[in-house]
């Protein structure tokens, strides 16, 4: 029996966000474990690491998730809704490498660059390791909950197009 599409999106977003948060907390601790404080800017800074998180999530989610999601939808494990999606999702490249490049670039321009600007404008010079890990986890969860559904909806658009669903102009 197929699970509802909405339930699938919510479940996947939450599970993947939690997994990403755990991985990013571990990675951040491992990378910076020998330092008590971390500069937000300048040499050896954590600001770039924090700001590039959305781009990394978009790239990895697209690379690792697109094929699996398409297969689940095609195999009937998840109910494919007849909902018409935004035209941009139907226009996203079908090829995995091309889609990854597009989604990564969009995430960099719309999420990573504004996050970098916000971090620089915050007036914070340094973070403790604990604060850096917490910031990384918060950014990871928020960005995962934004990015994962888009990746899933793009895979839905692929399946709908293969089934001949009318695409909005």
C-alpha atoms as a PDB file:
ATOM      1  CA  UNK A   1       0.000   0.000   0.000  1.00  0.00           C
ATOM      2  CA  UNK A   2       1.343   3.400  -0.994  1.00  0.00           C
ATOM      3  CA  UNK A   3       1.774   6.071   1.663  1.00  0.00           C
ATOM      4  CA  UNK A   4       0.370   9.517   0.965  1.00  0.00           C
ATOM      5  CA  UNK A   5       2.668  11.931  -0.797  1.00  0.00           C
ATOM      6  CA  UNK A   6       2.275  14.608   1.892  1.00  0.00           C
ATOM      7  CA  UNK A   7       3.193  12.127   4.619  1.00  0.00           C
ATOM      8  CA  UNK A   8       6.185  11.019   2.567  1.00  0.00           C
ATOM      9  CA  UNK A   9       7.433  14.609   2.143  1.00  0.00           C
ATOM     10  CA  UNK A  10       7.056  15.456   5.829  1.00  0.00           C
ATOM     11  CA  UNK A  11       8.605  12.186   7.025  1.00  0.00           C
ATOM     12  CA  UNK A  12      11.542  12.413   4.641  1.00  0.00           C
ATOM     13  CA  UNK A  13      12.195  16.069   5.454  1.00  0.00           C
ATOM     14  CA  UNK A  14      12.223  15.426   9.209  1.00  0.00           C
ATOM     15  CA  UNK A  15      14.292  12.230   9.056  1.00  0.00           C
ATOM     16  CA  UNK A  16      16.838  13.670   6.635  1.00  0.00           C
ATOM     17  CA  UNK A  17      17.057  16.969   8.567  1.00  0.00           C
ATOM     18  CA  UNK A  18      17.760  15.012  11.770  1.00  0.00           C
ATOM     19  CA  UNK A  19      20.358  12.864  10.012  1.00  0.00           C
ATOM     20  CA  UNK A  20      21.991  15.930   8.435  1.00  0.00           C
ATOM     21  CA  UNK A  21      22.043  17.696  11.816  1.00  0.00           C
ATOM     22  CA  UNK A  22      23.748  14.752  13.488  1.00  0.00           C
ATOM     23  CA  UNK A  23      26.301  14.435  10.710  1.00  0.00           C
ATOM     24  CA  UNK A  24      27.008  18.164  10.647  1.00  0.00           C
ATOM     25  CA  UNK A  25      27.315  18.385  14.437  1.00  0.00           C
ATOM     26  CA  UNK A  26      29.819  15.506  14.368  1.00  0.00           C
ATOM     27  CA  UNK A  27      31.703  16.988  11.433  1.00  0.00           C
ATOM     28  CA  UNK A  28      31.867  20.432  13.057  1.00  0.00           C
ATOM     29  CA  UNK A  29      33.079  19.007  16.355  1.00  0.00           C
ATOM     30  CA  UNK A  30      35.710  16.864  14.591  1.00  0.00           C
ATOM     31  CA  UNK A  31      36.987  19.675  12.402  1.00  0.00           C
ATOM     32  CA  UNK A  32      37.261  22.290  15.157  1.00  0.00           C
ATOM     33  CA  UNK A  33      37.726  20.128  18.306  1.00  0.00           C
ATOM     34  CA  UNK A  34      41.176  21.476  19.131  1.00  0.00           C
ATOM     35  CA  UNK A  35      39.964  25.088  19.400  1.00  0.00           C
ATOM     36  CA  UNK A  36      38.032  26.785  22.182  1.00  0.00           C
ATOM     37  CA  UNK A  37      36.939  29.760  20.111  1.00  0.00           C
ATOM     38  CA  UNK A  38      36.391  30.048  16.394  1.00  0.00           C
ATOM     39  CA  UNK A  39      36.561  33.259  14.387  1.00  0.00           C
ATOM     40  CA  UNK A  40      33.518  34.005  12.259  1.00  0.00           C
ATOM     41  CA  UNK A  41      35.687  35.771   9.664  1.00  0.00           C
ATOM     42  CA  UNK A  42      39.337  35.901   8.684  1.00  0.00           C
ATOM     43  CA  UNK A  43      41.802  33.006   8.425  1.00  0.00           C
ATOM     44  CA  UNK A  44      40.628  29.672   9.810  1.00  0.00           C
ATOM     45  CA  UNK A  45      37.066  30.931  10.176  1.00  0.00           C
ATOM     46  CA  UNK A  46      33.891  28.946  10.695  1.00  0.00           C
ATOM     47  CA  UNK A  47      31.728  31.511   8.897  1.00  0.00           C
ATOM     48  CA  UNK A  48      32.374  30.017   5.472  1.00  0.00           C
ATOM     49  CA  UNK A  49      31.599  26.537   6.802  1.00  0.00           C
ATOM     50  CA  UNK A  50      28.282  27.766   8.242  1.00  0.00           C
ATOM     51  CA  UNK A  51      27.352  29.777   5.149  1.00  0.00           C
ATOM     52  CA  UNK A  52      28.040  26.973   2.669  1.00  0.00           C
ATOM     53  CA  UNK A  53      25.812  24.529   4.567  1.00  0.00           C
ATOM     54  CA  UNK A  54      22.731  25.206   2.380  1.00  0.00           C
ATOM     55  CA  UNK A  55      24.716  24.597  -0.800  1.00  0.00           C
ATOM     56  CA  UNK A  56      26.148  21.335   0.514  1.00  0.00           C
ATOM     57  CA  UNK A  57      22.687  20.176   1.618  1.00  0.00           C
ATOM     58  CA  UNK A  58      21.234  20.995  -1.804  1.00  0.00           C
ATOM     59  CA  UNK A  59      24.012  19.184  -3.657  1.00  0.00           C
ATOM     60  CA  UNK A  60      23.965  16.072  -1.480  1.00  0.00           C
ATOM     61  CA  UNK A  61      20.164  15.918  -1.288  1.00  0.00           C
ATOM     62  CA  UNK A  62      19.899  16.143  -5.052  1.00  0.00           C
ATOM     63  CA  UNK A  63      22.666  13.630  -5.720  1.00  0.00           C
ATOM     64  CA  UNK A  64      21.591  11.112  -3.106  1.00  0.00           C
ATOM     65  CA  UNK A  65      17.845  11.608  -3.096  1.00  0.00           C
ATOM     66  CA  UNK A  66      16.610  12.214  -6.628  1.00  0.00           C
ATOM     67  CA  UNK A  67      17.035   8.708  -8.021  1.00  0.00           C
ATOM     68  CA  UNK A  68      15.663   7.036  -4.875  1.00  0.00           C
ATOM     69  CA  UNK A  69      12.631   9.321  -4.774  1.00  0.00           C
ATOM     70  CA  UNK A  70      11.879   8.788  -8.475  1.00  0.00           C
ATOM     71  CA  UNK A  71      12.057   5.025  -7.958  1.00  0.00           C
ATOM     72  CA  UNK A  72       9.718   5.101  -4.932  1.00  0.00           C
ATOM     73  CA  UNK A  73       7.196   7.180  -6.853  1.00  0.00           C
ATOM     74  CA  UNK A  74       7.367   5.019  -9.993  1.00  0.00           C
ATOM     75  CA  UNK A  75       7.155   1.782  -8.018  1.00  0.00           C
ATOM     76  CA  UNK A  76       4.005   2.925  -6.251  1.00  0.00           C
ATOM     77  CA  UNK A  77       5.530   2.993  -2.755  1.00  0.00           C
ATOM     78  CA  UNK A  78       4.365   6.596  -2.545  1.00  0.00           C
ATOM     79  CA  UNK A  79       1.081   7.823  -4.006  1.00  0.00           C
ATOM     80  CA  UNK A  80       1.716  10.186  -6.913  1.00  0.00           C
ATOM     81  CA  UNK A  81      -0.650  13.138  -6.582  1.00  0.00           C
ATOM     82  CA  UNK A  82      -2.134  14.783  -9.655  1.00  0.00           C
ATOM     83  CA  UNK A  83      -1.240  18.202  -8.238  1.00  0.00           C
ATOM     84  CA  UNK A  84       0.159  20.700 -10.696  1.00  0.00           C
ATOM     85  CA  UNK A  85       3.491  21.994  -9.465  1.00  0.00           C
ATOM     86  CA  UNK A  86       5.224  25.312 -10.154  1.00  0.00           C
ATOM     87  CA  UNK A  87       6.557  25.491 -13.700  1.00  0.00           C
ATOM     88  CA  UNK A  88      10.142  25.898 -12.455  1.00  0.00           C
ATOM     89  CA  UNK A  89      10.090  22.355 -11.064  1.00  0.00           C
ATOM     90  CA  UNK A  90       9.034  20.922 -14.425  1.00  0.00           C
ATOM     91  CA  UNK A  91      11.752  22.981 -16.087  1.00  0.00           C
ATOM     92  CA  UNK A  92      14.540  21.707 -13.822  1.00  0.00           C
ATOM     93  CA  UNK A  93      16.989  19.456 -15.660  1.00  0.00           C
ATOM     94  CA  UNK A  94      16.189  15.751 -15.618  1.00  0.00           C
ATOM     95  CA  UNK A  95      19.834  14.663 -15.653  1.00  0.00           C
ATOM     96  CA  UNK A  96      21.238  14.125 -12.167  1.00  0.00           C
ATOM     97  CA  UNK A  97      24.488  16.031 -12.689  1.00  0.00           C
ATOM     98  CA  UNK A  98      22.774  18.974 -14.375  1.00  0.00           C
ATOM     99  CA  UNK A  99      20.057  19.106 -11.707  1.00  0.00           C
ATOM    100  CA  UNK A 100      22.669  18.960  -8.948  1.00  0.00           C
ATOM    101  CA  UNK A 101      24.567  21.867 -10.482  1.00  0.00           C
ATOM    102  CA  UNK A 102      21.385  23.933 -10.887  1.00  0.00           C
ATOM    103  CA  UNK A 103      20.048  23.216  -7.385  1.00  0.00           C
ATOM    104  CA  UNK A 104      23.476  23.804  -5.828  1.00  0.00           C
ATOM    105  CA  UNK A 105      23.847  27.105  -7.674  1.00  0.00           C
ATOM    106  CA  UNK A 106      20.349  28.252  -6.715  1.00  0.00           C
ATOM    107  CA  UNK A 107      21.011  27.331  -3.056  1.00  0.00           C
ATOM    108  CA  UNK A 108      24.323  29.189  -3.123  1.00  0.00           C
ATOM    109  CA  UNK A 109      22.748  32.333  -4.573  1.00  0.00           C
ATOM    110  CA  UNK A 110      19.519  32.370  -2.568  1.00  0.00           C
ATOM    111  CA  UNK A 111      20.547  30.808   0.745  1.00  0.00           C
ATOM    112  CA  UNK A 112      24.326  30.654   1.230  1.00  0.00           C
ATOM    113  CA  UNK A 113      25.182  34.189   0.111  1.00  0.00           C
ATOM    114  CA  UNK A 114      22.455  35.828   2.239  1.00  0.00           C
ATOM    115  CA  UNK A 115      23.488  33.643   5.194  1.00  0.00           C
ATOM    116  CA  UNK A 116      27.110  34.723   4.741  1.00  0.00           C
ATOM    117  CA  UNK A 117      26.022  38.374   4.627  1.00  0.00           C
ATOM    118  CA  UNK A 118      23.887  37.918   7.761  1.00  0.00           C
ATOM    119  CA  UNK A 119      26.767  36.271   9.617  1.00  0.00           C
ATOM    120  CA  UNK A 120      29.095  39.117   8.658  1.00  0.00           C
ATOM    121  CA  UNK A 121      26.517  41.747   9.646  1.00  0.00           C
ATOM    122  CA  UNK A 122      25.802  40.071  12.989  1.00  0.00           C
ATOM    123  CA  UNK A 123      28.713  41.801  14.706  1.00  0.00           C
ATOM    124  CA  UNK A 124      29.825  38.487  16.231  1.00  0.00           C
ATOM    125  CA  UNK A 125      33.589  38.025  15.992  1.00  0.00           C
ATOM    126  CA  UNK A 126      34.004  34.570  17.509  1.00  0.00           C
ATOM    127  CA  UNK A 127      31.979  31.560  18.544  1.00  0.00           C
ATOM    128  CA  UNK A 128      32.721  28.961  21.162  1.00  0.00           C
ATOM    129  CA  UNK A 129      32.913  25.419  19.826  1.00  0.00           C
ATOM    130  CA  UNK A 130      29.553  24.660  21.460  1.00  0.00           C
ATOM    131  CA  UNK A 131      27.944  27.732  19.888  1.00  0.00           C
ATOM    132  CA  UNK A 132      29.443  26.850  16.507  1.00  0.00           C
ATOM    133  CA  UNK A 133      28.012  23.325  16.710  1.00  0.00           C
ATOM    134  CA  UNK A 134      24.610  24.666  17.758  1.00  0.00           C
ATOM    135  CA  UNK A 135      24.669  27.206  14.905  1.00  0.00           C
ATOM    136  CA  UNK A 136      25.607  24.475  12.439  1.00  0.00           C
ATOM    137  CA  UNK A 137      22.781  22.239  13.698  1.00  0.00           C
ATOM    138  CA  UNK A 138      20.216  25.053  13.551  1.00  0.00           C
ATOM    139  CA  UNK A 139      21.262  26.099  10.049  1.00  0.00           C
ATOM    140  CA  UNK A 140      21.279  22.460   8.932  1.00  0.00           C
ATOM    141  CA  UNK A 141      17.793  21.734  10.234  1.00  0.00           C
ATOM    142  CA  UNK A 142      16.226  24.899   8.810  1.00  0.00           C
ATOM    143  CA  UNK A 143      17.905  24.523   5.434  1.00  0.00           C
ATOM    144  CA  UNK A 144      17.145  20.806   5.215  1.00  0.00           C
ATOM    145  CA  UNK A 145      13.476  21.488   5.897  1.00  0.00           C
ATOM    146  CA  UNK A 146      13.507  24.019   3.037  1.00  0.00           C
ATOM    147  CA  UNK A 147      15.605  22.070   0.536  1.00  0.00           C
ATOM    148  CA  UNK A 148      14.435  18.457   0.950  1.00  0.00           C
ATOM    149  CA  UNK A 149      10.804  19.163  -0.030  1.00  0.00           C
ATOM    150  CA  UNK A 150      11.976  21.001  -3.170  1.00  0.00           C
ATOM    151  CA  UNK A 151      14.119  18.017  -4.150  1.00  0.00           C
ATOM    152  CA  UNK A 152      11.169  15.679  -3.605  1.00  0.00           C
ATOM    153  CA  UNK A 153       8.786  17.925  -5.570  1.00  0.00           C
ATOM    154  CA  UNK A 154      11.247  18.092  -8.465  1.00  0.00           C
ATOM    155  CA  UNK A 155      11.353  14.268  -8.531  1.00  0.00           C
ATOM    156  CA  UNK A 156       7.540  14.271  -8.497  1.00  0.00           C
ATOM    157  CA  UNK A 157       7.569  16.618 -11.493  1.00  0.00           C
ATOM    158  CA  UNK A 158       9.847  14.135 -13.298  1.00  0.00           C
ATOM    159  CA  UNK A 159       7.481  11.242 -12.660  1.00  0.00           C
ATOM    160  CA  UNK A 160       4.424  13.292 -13.606  1.00  0.00           C
ATOM    161  CA  UNK A 161       6.048  14.330 -16.878  1.00  0.00           C
ATOM    162  CA  UNK A 162       6.881  10.707 -17.675  1.00  0.00           C
ATOM    163  CA  UNK A 163       3.214   9.878 -17.076  1.00  0.00           C
ATOM    164  CA  UNK A 164       2.052  12.664 -19.361  1.00  0.00           C
ATOM    165  CA  UNK A 165       0.677  15.123 -16.828  1.00  0.00           C
ATOM    166  CA  UNK A 166       0.057  18.532 -18.397  1.00  0.00           C
ATOM    167  CA  UNK A 167       2.875  20.914 -17.551  1.00  0.00           C
ATOM    168  CA  UNK A 168       2.012  24.565 -16.808  1.00  0.00           C
ATOM    169  CA  UNK A 169       3.315  27.105 -19.293  1.00  0.00           C
END
